[in-house]
């Protein structure tokens, strides 16, 4: 899809699967550029229903990642 470090893409109303019962989705692609000498090994591809907004899709996914880690800590990290 042409995603390289330091770039992002946003594809609107993309048919993701040929199976019936699934609608069209937006696809957000993001690969962070080099930051403080560190380069990520790969980018993110996100299937999203946040219509037409690349930054909001990425920010939502970042928040979700932190929330899932918090739930894991609360369940199995000894906090019960």
PDB file of N, CA and C in Angstrom:
ATOM      1  N   UNK A   1       0.826  -1.206   0.000  1.00  0.00           N
ATOM      2  CA  UNK A   1       0.000   0.000   0.000  1.00  0.00           C
ATOM      3  C   UNK A   1       0.862   1.258   0.000  1.00  0.00           C
ATOM      4  N   UNK A   2       2.153   1.096  -0.059  1.00  0.00           N
ATOM      5  CA  UNK A   2       3.026   2.251  -0.179  1.00  0.00           C
ATOM      6  C   UNK A   2       3.369   2.941   1.125  1.00  0.00           C
ATOM      7  N   UNK A   3       3.180   2.282   2.256  1.00  0.00           N
ATOM      8  CA  UNK A   3       3.478   2.886   3.551  1.00  0.00           C
ATOM      9  C   UNK A   3       4.961   2.726   3.859  1.00  0.00           C
ATOM     10  N   UNK A   4       5.640   3.845   4.064  1.00  0.00           N
ATOM     11  CA  UNK A   4       7.064   3.854   4.407  1.00  0.00           C
ATOM     12  C   UNK A   4       7.241   4.745   5.634  1.00  0.00           C
ATOM     13  N   UNK A   5       8.376   4.634   6.329  1.00  0.00           N
ATOM     14  CA  UNK A   5       8.584   5.462   7.529  1.00  0.00           C
ATOM     15  C   UNK A   5       8.358   6.951   7.258  1.00  0.00           C
ATOM     16  N   UNK A   6       7.606   7.569   8.168  1.00  0.00           N
ATOM     17  CA  UNK A   6       7.328   8.995   8.074  1.00  0.00           C
ATOM     18  C   UNK A   6       6.112   9.341   7.228  1.00  0.00           C
ATOM     19  N   UNK A   7       5.321   8.336   6.815  1.00  0.00           N
ATOM     20  CA  UNK A   7       4.158   8.610   5.983  1.00  0.00           C
ATOM     21  C   UNK A   7       2.872   8.089   6.619  1.00  0.00           C
ATOM     22  N   UNK A   8       1.766   8.549   6.081  1.00  0.00           N
ATOM     23  CA  UNK A   8       0.455   8.055   6.505  1.00  0.00           C
ATOM     24  C   UNK A   8      -0.467   8.060   5.295  1.00  0.00           C
ATOM     25  N   UNK A   9      -1.486   7.204   5.345  1.00  0.00           N
ATOM     26  CA  UNK A   9      -2.489   7.153   4.284  1.00  0.00           C
ATOM     27  C   UNK A   9      -3.859   7.041   4.934  1.00  0.00           C
ATOM     28  N   UNK A  10      -4.876   7.416   4.197  1.00  0.00           N
ATOM     29  CA  UNK A  10      -6.245   7.252   4.674  1.00  0.00           C
ATOM     30  C   UNK A  10      -7.116   6.913   3.476  1.00  0.00           C
ATOM     31  N   UNK A  11      -7.668   5.719   3.457  1.00  0.00           N
ATOM     32  CA  UNK A  11      -8.519   5.253   2.367  1.00  0.00           C
ATOM     33  C   UNK A  11      -9.963   5.245   2.848  1.00  0.00           C
ATOM     34  N   UNK A  12     -10.818   5.945   2.136  1.00  0.00           N
ATOM     35  CA  UNK A  12     -12.216   6.127   2.538  1.00  0.00           C
ATOM     36  C   UNK A  12     -13.114   5.102   1.852  1.00  0.00           C
ATOM     37  N   UNK A  13     -14.101   4.572   2.622  1.00  0.00           N
ATOM     38  CA  UNK A  13     -15.123   3.672   2.095  1.00  0.00           C
ATOM     39  C   UNK A  13     -14.510   2.516   1.302  1.00  0.00           C
ATOM     40  N   UNK A  14     -13.652   1.761   1.957  1.00  0.00           N
ATOM     41  CA  UNK A  14     -12.962   0.648   1.330  1.00  0.00           C
ATOM     42  C   UNK A  14     -13.677  -0.652   1.650  1.00  0.00           C
ATOM     43  N   UNK A  15     -13.885  -1.467   0.638  1.00  0.00           N
ATOM     44  CA  UNK A  15     -14.488  -2.779   0.855  1.00  0.00           C
ATOM     45  C   UNK A  15     -13.388  -3.690   1.371  1.00  0.00           C
ATOM     46  N   UNK A  16     -13.555  -4.192   2.579  1.00  0.00           N
ATOM     47  CA  UNK A  16     -12.497  -4.938   3.252  1.00  0.00           C
ATOM     48  C   UNK A  16     -12.583  -6.437   3.008  1.00  0.00           C
ATOM     49  N   UNK A  17     -13.782  -6.939   2.824  1.00  0.00           N
ATOM     50  CA  UNK A  17     -13.966  -8.376   2.630  1.00  0.00           C
ATOM     51  C   UNK A  17     -15.057  -8.611   1.585  1.00  0.00           C
ATOM     52  N   UNK A  18     -14.933  -9.670   0.785  1.00  0.00           N
ATOM     53  CA  UNK A  18     -15.966  -9.950  -0.210  1.00  0.00           C
ATOM     54  C   UNK A  18     -17.223 -10.592   0.381  1.00  0.00           C
ATOM     55  N   UNK A  19     -17.180 -10.991   1.662  1.00  0.00           N
ATOM     56  CA  UNK A  19     -18.327 -11.641   2.291  1.00  0.00           C
ATOM     57  C   UNK A  19     -19.465 -10.654   2.505  1.00  0.00           C
ATOM     58  N   UNK A  20     -20.671 -11.156   2.387  1.00  0.00           N
ATOM     59  CA  UNK A  20     -21.848 -10.320   2.643  1.00  0.00           C
ATOM     60  C   UNK A  20     -21.993 -10.091   4.147  1.00  0.00           C
ATOM     61  N   UNK A  21     -22.619  -8.977   4.487  1.00  0.00           N
ATOM     62  CA  UNK A  21     -22.856  -8.669   5.887  1.00  0.00           C
ATOM     63  C   UNK A  21     -21.859  -7.679   6.455  1.00  0.00           C
ATOM     64  N   UNK A  22     -20.825  -7.369   5.698  1.00  0.00           N
ATOM     65  CA  UNK A  22     -19.838  -6.394   6.140  1.00  0.00           C
ATOM     66  C   UNK A  22     -19.931  -5.170   5.247  1.00  0.00           C
ATOM     67  N   UNK A  23     -19.923  -4.019   5.853  1.00  0.00           N
ATOM     68  CA  UNK A  23     -19.988  -2.785   5.079  1.00  0.00           C
ATOM     69  C   UNK A  23     -18.610  -2.300   4.700  1.00  0.00           C
ATOM     70  N   UNK A  24     -18.580  -1.118   4.145  1.00  0.00           N
ATOM     71  CA  UNK A  24     -17.310  -0.487   3.809  1.00  0.00           C
ATOM     72  C   UNK A  24     -16.735   0.206   5.030  1.00  0.00           C
ATOM     73  N   UNK A  25     -15.428   0.222   5.121  1.00  0.00           N
ATOM     74  CA  UNK A  25     -14.732   0.850   6.236  1.00  0.00           C
ATOM     75  C   UNK A  25     -13.674   1.803   5.699  1.00  0.00           C
ATOM     76  N   UNK A  26     -13.162   2.638   6.567  1.00  0.00           N
ATOM     77  CA  UNK A  26     -12.006   3.450   6.232  1.00  0.00           C
ATOM     78  C   UNK A  26     -10.764   2.723   6.738  1.00  0.00           C
ATOM     79  N   UNK A  27      -9.662   2.856   6.011  1.00  0.00           N
ATOM     80  CA  UNK A  27      -8.398   2.256   6.424  1.00  0.00           C
ATOM     81  C   UNK A  27      -7.401   3.375   6.662  1.00  0.00           C
ATOM     82  N   UNK A  28      -6.853   3.413   7.864  1.00  0.00           N
ATOM     83  CA  UNK A  28      -5.834   4.390   8.214  1.00  0.00           C
ATOM     84  C   UNK A  28      -4.499   3.660   8.294  1.00  0.00           C
ATOM     85  N   UNK A  29      -3.495   4.188   7.643  1.00  0.00           N
ATOM     86  CA  UNK A  29      -2.154   3.623   7.711  1.00  0.00           C
ATOM     87  C   UNK A  29      -1.208   4.678   8.250  1.00  0.00           C
ATOM     88  N   UNK A  30      -0.338   4.292   9.163  1.00  0.00           N
ATOM     89  CA  UNK A  30       0.556   5.261   9.799  1.00  0.00           C
ATOM     90  C   UNK A  30       1.870   4.575  10.147  1.00  0.00           C
ATOM     91  N   UNK A  31       2.966   5.173   9.746  1.00  0.00           N
ATOM     92  CA  UNK A  31       4.292   4.678  10.110  1.00  0.00           C
ATOM     93  C   UNK A  31       5.087   5.875  10.594  1.00  0.00           C
ATOM     94  N   UNK A  32       5.344   5.876  11.857  1.00  0.00           N
ATOM     95  CA  UNK A  32       6.048   6.989  12.491  1.00  0.00           C
ATOM     96  C   UNK A  32       7.447   7.129  11.910  1.00  0.00           C
ATOM     97  N   UNK A  33       7.876   8.353  11.714  1.00  0.00           N
ATOM     98  CA  UNK A  33       9.220   8.616  11.229  1.00  0.00           C
ATOM     99  C   UNK A  33      10.253   8.405  12.326  1.00  0.00           C
ATOM    100  N   UNK A  34      11.505   8.541  11.985  1.00  0.00           N
ATOM    101  CA  UNK A  34      12.581   8.367  12.954  1.00  0.00           C
ATOM    102  C   UNK A  34      12.457   9.419  14.047  1.00  0.00           C
ATOM    103  N   UNK A  35      12.578   8.991  15.305  1.00  0.00           N
ATOM    104  CA  UNK A  35      12.450   9.887  16.445  1.00  0.00           C
ATOM    105  C   UNK A  35      13.548   9.555  17.446  1.00  0.00           C
ATOM    106  N   UNK A  36      14.407  10.522  17.722  1.00  0.00           N
ATOM    107  CA  UNK A  36      15.533  10.332  18.641  1.00  0.00           C
ATOM    108  C   UNK A  36      16.331   9.074  18.302  1.00  0.00           C
ATOM    109  N   UNK A  37      16.707   8.963  17.073  1.00  0.00           N
ATOM    110  CA  UNK A  37      17.538   7.892  16.528  1.00  0.00           C
ATOM    111  C   UNK A  37      16.801   6.559  16.432  1.00  0.00           C
ATOM    112  N   UNK A  38      15.591   6.459  16.951  1.00  0.00           N
ATOM    113  CA  UNK A  38      14.853   5.200  16.921  1.00  0.00           C
ATOM    114  C   UNK A  38      13.879   5.183  15.749  1.00  0.00           C
ATOM    115  N   UNK A  39      13.880   4.078  15.025  1.00  0.00           N
ATOM    116  CA  UNK A  39      12.951   3.890  13.919  1.00  0.00           C
ATOM    117  C   UNK A  39      12.107   2.643  14.178  1.00  0.00           C
ATOM    118  N   UNK A  40      10.779   2.776  14.099  1.00  0.00           N
ATOM    119  CA  UNK A  40       9.890   1.633  14.275  1.00  0.00           C
ATOM    120  C   UNK A  40      10.111   0.638  13.137  1.00  0.00           C
ATOM    121  N   UNK A  41       9.939  -0.663  13.436  1.00  0.00           N
ATOM    122  CA  UNK A  41      10.153  -1.710  12.445  1.00  0.00           C
ATOM    123  C   UNK A  41       9.040  -1.779  11.409  1.00  0.00           C
ATOM    124  N   UNK A  42       7.835  -1.388  11.800  1.00  0.00           N
ATOM    125  CA  UNK A  42       6.711  -1.453  10.878  1.00  0.00           C
ATOM    126  C   UNK A  42       5.657  -0.430  11.256  1.00  0.00           C
ATOM    127  N   UNK A  43       4.759  -0.184  10.320  1.00  0.00           N
ATOM    128  CA  UNK A  43       3.689   0.780  10.551  1.00  0.00           C
ATOM    129  C   UNK A  43       2.414   0.113  11.019  1.00  0.00           C
ATOM    130  N   UNK A  44       1.389   0.929  11.227  1.00  0.00           N
ATOM    131  CA  UNK A  44       0.074   0.441  11.654  1.00  0.00           C
ATOM    132  C   UNK A  44      -0.896   0.551  10.491  1.00  0.00           C
ATOM    133  N   UNK A  45      -1.748  -0.441  10.357  1.00  0.00           N
ATOM    134  CA  UNK A  45      -2.919  -0.363   9.484  1.00  0.00           C
ATOM    135  C   UNK A  45      -4.128  -0.543  10.382  1.00  0.00           C
ATOM    136  N   UNK A  46      -5.023   0.417  10.369  1.00  0.00           N
ATOM    137  CA  UNK A  46      -6.192   0.385  11.240  1.00  0.00           C
ATOM    138  C   UNK A  46      -7.467   0.368  10.402  1.00  0.00           C
ATOM    139  N   UNK A  47      -8.338  -0.578  10.684  1.00  0.00           N
ATOM    140  CA  UNK A  47      -9.662  -0.617  10.081  1.00  0.00           C
ATOM    141  C   UNK A  47     -10.553   0.195  11.013  1.00  0.00           C
ATOM    142  N   UNK A  48     -11.132   1.277  10.530  1.00  0.00           N
ATOM    143  CA  UNK A  48     -11.798   2.217  11.420  1.00  0.00           C
ATOM    144  C   UNK A  48     -13.167   2.651  10.899  1.00  0.00           C
ATOM    145  N   UNK A  49     -14.002   3.091  11.808  1.00  0.00           N
ATOM    146  CA  UNK A  49     -15.280   3.686  11.429  1.00  0.00           C
ATOM    147  C   UNK A  49     -15.303   5.171  11.784  1.00  0.00           C
ATOM    148  N   UNK A  50     -14.160   5.729  12.146  1.00  0.00           N
ATOM    149  CA  UNK A  50     -14.037   7.168  12.375  1.00  0.00           C
ATOM    150  C   UNK A  50     -13.902   7.794  10.985  1.00  0.00           C
ATOM    151  N   UNK A  51     -14.974   8.371  10.496  1.00  0.00           N
ATOM    152  CA  UNK A  51     -15.067   8.748   9.092  1.00  0.00           C
ATOM    153  C   UNK A  51     -14.182   9.950   8.748  1.00  0.00           C
ATOM    154  N   UNK A  52     -13.265   9.731   7.803  1.00  0.00           N
ATOM    155  CA  UNK A  52     -12.497  10.809   7.209  1.00  0.00           C
ATOM    156  C   UNK A  52     -11.482  11.509   8.088  1.00  0.00           C
ATOM    157  N   UNK A  53     -11.050  10.875   9.176  1.00  0.00           N
ATOM    158  CA  UNK A  53     -10.137  11.571  10.082  1.00  0.00           C
ATOM    159  C   UNK A  53      -8.966  10.684  10.487  1.00  0.00           C
ATOM    160  N   UNK A  54      -7.849  10.888   9.863  1.00  0.00           N
ATOM    161  CA  UNK A  54      -6.656  10.097  10.139  1.00  0.00           C
ATOM    162  C   UNK A  54      -6.164  10.312  11.566  1.00  0.00           C
ATOM    163  N   UNK A  55      -5.971  11.553  11.963  1.00  0.00           N
ATOM    164  CA  UNK A  55      -5.416  11.839  13.293  1.00  0.00           C
ATOM    165  C   UNK A  55      -6.319  11.300  14.407  1.00  0.00           C
ATOM    166  N   UNK A  56      -7.623  11.473  14.277  1.00  0.00           N
ATOM    167  CA  UNK A  56      -8.541  10.988  15.310  1.00  0.00           C
ATOM    168  C   UNK A  56      -8.516   9.461  15.383  1.00  0.00           C
ATOM    169  N   UNK A  57      -8.401   8.783  14.248  1.00  0.00           N
ATOM    170  CA  UNK A  57      -8.321   7.318  14.236  1.00  0.00           C
ATOM    171  C   UNK A  57      -7.071   6.837  14.962  1.00  0.00           C
ATOM    172  N   UNK A  58      -5.949   7.466  14.690  1.00  0.00           N
ATOM    173  CA  UNK A  58      -4.683   7.076  15.327  1.00  0.00           C
ATOM    174  C   UNK A  58      -4.711   7.379  16.818  1.00  0.00           C
ATOM    175  N   UNK A  59      -5.207   8.561  17.191  1.00  0.00           N
ATOM    176  CA  UNK A  59      -5.288   8.927  18.611  1.00  0.00           C
ATOM    177  C   UNK A  59      -6.196   7.974  19.387  1.00  0.00           C
ATOM    178  N   UNK A  60      -7.316   7.566  18.778  1.00  0.00           N
ATOM    179  CA  UNK A  60      -8.222   6.615  19.435  1.00  0.00           C
ATOM    180  C   UNK A  60      -7.544   5.282  19.671  1.00  0.00           C
ATOM    181  N   UNK A  61      -6.777   4.823  18.686  1.00  0.00           N
ATOM    182  CA  UNK A  61      -6.079   3.542  18.829  1.00  0.00           C
ATOM    183  C   UNK A  61      -5.004   3.619  19.911  1.00  0.00           C
ATOM    184  N   UNK A  62      -4.290   4.741  19.990  1.00  0.00           N
ATOM    185  CA  UNK A  62      -3.274   4.910  21.041  1.00  0.00           C
ATOM    186  C   UNK A  62      -3.927   4.855  22.428  1.00  0.00           C
ATOM    187  N   UNK A  63      -5.074   5.520  22.587  1.00  0.00           N
ATOM    188  CA  UNK A  63      -5.785   5.484  23.873  1.00  0.00           C
ATOM    189  C   UNK A  63      -6.235   4.071  24.202  1.00  0.00           C
ATOM    190  N   UNK A  64      -6.763   3.378  23.205  1.00  0.00           N
ATOM    191  CA  UNK A  64      -7.246   2.010  23.435  1.00  0.00           C
ATOM    192  C   UNK A  64      -6.109   1.100  23.882  1.00  0.00           C
ATOM    193  N   UNK A  65      -4.927   1.255  23.302  1.00  0.00           N
ATOM    194  CA  UNK A  65      -3.781   0.432  23.695  1.00  0.00           C
ATOM    195  C   UNK A  65      -3.443   0.625  25.166  1.00  0.00           C
ATOM    196  N   UNK A  66      -3.472   1.870  25.624  1.00  0.00           N
ATOM    197  CA  UNK A  66      -3.187   2.151  27.031  1.00  0.00           C
ATOM    198  C   UNK A  66      -4.264   1.611  27.956  1.00  0.00           C
ATOM    199  N   UNK A  67      -5.517   1.709  27.537  1.00  0.00           N
ATOM    200  CA  UNK A  67      -6.633   1.215  28.347  1.00  0.00           C
ATOM    201  C   UNK A  67      -6.556  -0.302  28.483  1.00  0.00           C
ATOM    202  N   UNK A  68      -6.257  -1.004  27.386  1.00  0.00           N
ATOM    203  CA  UNK A  68      -6.156  -2.463  27.450  1.00  0.00           C
ATOM    204  C   UNK A  68      -5.027  -2.899  28.378  1.00  0.00           C
ATOM    205  N   UNK A  69      -3.898  -2.189  28.355  1.00  0.00           N
ATOM    206  CA  UNK A  69      -2.797  -2.515  29.257  1.00  0.00           C
ATOM    207  C   UNK A  69      -3.205  -2.296  30.715  1.00  0.00           C
ATOM    208  N   UNK A  70      -3.975  -1.226  30.974  1.00  0.00           N
ATOM    209  CA  UNK A  70      -4.442  -0.953  32.332  1.00  0.00           C
ATOM    210  C   UNK A  70      -5.375  -2.063  32.822  1.00  0.00           C
ATOM    211  N   UNK A  71      -6.316  -2.505  31.965  1.00  0.00           N
ATOM    212  CA  UNK A  71      -7.220  -3.583  32.351  1.00  0.00           C
ATOM    213  C   UNK A  71      -6.447  -4.861  32.651  1.00  0.00           C
ATOM    214  N   UNK A  72      -5.430  -5.166  31.854  1.00  0.00           N
ATOM    215  CA  UNK A  72      -4.627  -6.360  32.097  1.00  0.00           C
ATOM    216  C   UNK A  72      -3.947  -6.260  33.464  1.00  0.00           C
ATOM    217  N   UNK A  73      -3.387  -5.105  33.767  1.00  0.00           N
ATOM    218  CA  UNK A  73      -2.743  -4.908  35.072  1.00  0.00           C
ATOM    219  C   UNK A  73      -3.741  -5.092  36.213  1.00  0.00           C
ATOM    220  N   UNK A  74      -4.933  -4.545  36.027  1.00  0.00           N
ATOM    221  CA  UNK A  74      -5.947  -4.643  37.087  1.00  0.00           C
ATOM    222  C   UNK A  74      -6.448  -6.067  37.276  1.00  0.00           C
ATOM    223  N   UNK A  75      -6.511  -6.853  36.206  1.00  0.00           N
ATOM    224  CA  UNK A  75      -7.039  -8.220  36.308  1.00  0.00           C
ATOM    225  C   UNK A  75      -5.988  -9.214  36.780  1.00  0.00           C
ATOM    226  N   UNK A  76      -4.802  -9.182  36.156  1.00  0.00           N
ATOM    227  CA  UNK A  76      -3.803 -10.226  36.442  1.00  0.00           C
ATOM    228  C   UNK A  76      -2.518  -9.684  37.028  1.00  0.00           C
ATOM    229  N   UNK A  77      -2.464  -8.402  37.284  1.00  0.00           N
ATOM    230  CA  UNK A  77      -1.242  -7.786  37.794  1.00  0.00           C
ATOM    231  C   UNK A  77      -1.161  -7.731  39.303  1.00  0.00           C
ATOM    232  N   UNK A  78      -2.045  -8.441  39.978  1.00  0.00           N
ATOM    233  CA  UNK A  78      -1.998  -8.466  41.429  1.00  0.00           C
ATOM    234  C   UNK A  78      -2.916  -7.474  42.105  1.00  0.00           C
ATOM    235  N   UNK A  79      -3.640  -6.669  41.309  1.00  0.00           N
ATOM    236  CA  UNK A  79      -4.527  -5.684  41.923  1.00  0.00           C
ATOM    237  C   UNK A  79      -5.904  -6.248  42.210  1.00  0.00           C
ATOM    238  N   UNK A  80      -6.312  -7.274  41.487  1.00  0.00           N
ATOM    239  CA  UNK A  80      -7.618  -7.946  41.643  1.00  0.00           C
ATOM    240  C   UNK A  80      -8.741  -6.917  41.726  1.00  0.00           C
TER     241      UNK A  80
END
